[in-house]
Amino acid sequence: MKTVYKYPLPPLNDTKRYSIPLAARVVLVGPDPGGVPCFWCELDTDLEKSTVSVSVIGTGRPAQYGDRHMGSFVHGGFVWHVYSMDLIKML
C-alpha cells in the first residue's frame, strides 16, 4: 500500500539506522508540529525493506563521502542538514 510515514531524526550531529521499504521517497524534512525533527517518506508498505543510515549535521561540519542530501531545516537557532548513505530517494 502506498502511504507516507514519519520518522524521527537521530540526535543532532549523530547517525541512526532505519528499516524502510525500497524505493521510499523523501517528501519533507523538518520539525513536526511538536517541534521534533523528522523526515517523511512516501513509500509502498508491500515492498521489501532495506536498512538506511541517516545523519544530521550542523552547517560547516563534514558530510561522509557518498552521502545524499535529503533536506535542511532550522531548529534551535541553527540550520541542520540531513544526509542518507543508502537506498532512499529524494523528492
Protein backbone atom coordinates (compact mmCIF):
# COMPACT_ATOMS: atom_id res chain seq x y z
CA MET A 1 0.00 0.00 0.00
CA LYS A 2 1.38 3.43 -0.93
CA THR A 3 1.42 5.85 2.02
CA VAL A 4 3.52 8.47 3.82
CA TYR A 5 5.38 7.58 7.05
CA LYS A 6 7.09 9.89 9.54
CA TYR A 7 10.49 9.00 11.04
CA PRO A 8 12.02 10.94 13.96
CA LEU A 9 15.56 12.03 13.08
CA PRO A 10 18.61 10.97 15.12
CA PRO A 11 20.01 13.42 17.67
CA LEU A 12 21.74 16.41 16.10
CA ASN A 13 25.31 15.61 14.96
CA ASP A 14 24.55 11.86 15.09
CA THR A 15 23.55 8.94 12.81
CA LYS A 16 20.69 6.43 13.07
CA ARG A 17 19.74 3.35 11.02
CA TYR A 18 16.16 2.82 9.82
CA SER A 19 14.35 -0.09 8.17
CA ILE A 20 12.46 1.49 5.27
CA PRO A 21 10.81 -0.10 2.20
CA LEU A 22 12.85 0.02 -1.00
CA ALA A 23 12.17 2.96 -3.33
CA ALA A 24 10.98 5.19 -0.47
CA ARG A 25 10.98 8.86 -1.45
CA VAL A 26 11.63 11.72 0.98
CA VAL A 27 8.87 14.33 0.74
CA LEU A 28 9.68 16.56 3.75
CA VAL A 29 12.44 17.17 6.33
CA GLY A 30 11.85 19.38 9.36
CA PRO A 31 10.22 19.67 12.77
CA ASP A 32 6.78 18.11 13.27
CA PRO A 33 4.01 20.16 14.96
CA GLY A 34 5.50 19.26 18.36
CA GLY A 35 8.95 20.55 17.35
CA VAL A 36 10.58 17.09 16.94
CA PRO A 37 12.92 16.98 13.91
CA CYS A 38 11.63 14.29 11.48
CA PHE A 39 11.60 13.20 7.88
CA TRP A 40 8.59 11.95 5.95
CA CYS A 41 8.78 9.36 3.16
CA GLU A 42 6.30 8.29 0.54
CA LEU A 43 6.64 4.53 0.41
CA ASP A 44 4.99 1.26 -0.53
CA THR A 45 4.43 -0.93 2.56
CA ASP A 46 4.27 -4.05 0.32
CA LEU A 47 7.90 -3.71 -0.80
CA GLU A 48 10.91 -5.36 0.84
CA LYS A 49 12.64 -3.21 3.49
CA SER A 50 16.24 -2.05 3.43
CA THR A 51 18.43 -0.53 6.12
CA VAL A 52 19.11 3.18 5.65
CA SER A 53 21.63 5.28 7.60
CA VAL A 54 20.59 8.89 8.20
CA SER A 55 22.83 11.62 9.65
CA VAL A 56 22.03 15.10 10.95
CA ILE A 57 24.96 17.52 10.80
CA GLY A 58 25.40 21.20 11.52
CA THR A 59 26.48 23.79 8.98
CA GLY A 60 30.25 23.62 8.41
CA ARG A 61 30.63 20.01 9.59
CA PRO A 62 31.82 17.46 7.01
CA ALA A 63 29.40 15.02 5.39
CA GLN A 64 30.51 11.43 4.76
CA TYR A 65 31.69 10.57 1.24
CA GLY A 66 28.78 9.35 -0.86
CA ASP A 67 26.06 10.82 1.33
CA ARG A 68 22.96 12.22 -0.38
CA HIS A 69 21.41 15.42 0.91
CA MET A 70 17.79 14.75 2.00
CA GLY A 71 16.99 18.27 3.15
CA SER A 72 17.78 21.01 5.66
CA PHE A 73 15.79 22.64 8.45
CA VAL A 74 16.06 25.33 11.13
CA HIS A 75 15.93 24.17 14.77
CA GLY A 76 17.19 25.81 17.95
CA GLY A 77 18.56 28.81 16.11
CA PHE A 78 20.76 26.68 13.80
CA VAL A 79 20.40 25.18 10.32
CA TRP A 80 20.75 21.38 10.27
CA HIS A 81 21.40 19.21 7.22
CA VAL A 82 20.11 15.65 6.79
CA TYR A 83 22.04 13.08 4.75
CA SER A 84 21.45 9.44 3.77
CA MET A 85 24.06 6.95 2.59
CA ASP A 86 21.68 4.30 1.31
CA LEU A 87 18.73 3.49 -0.94
CA ILE A 88 16.42 6.37 -0.13
CA LYS A 89 15.31 8.70 -2.93
CA MET A 90 14.95 12.45 -2.68
CA LEU A 91 11.97 14.35 -3.97
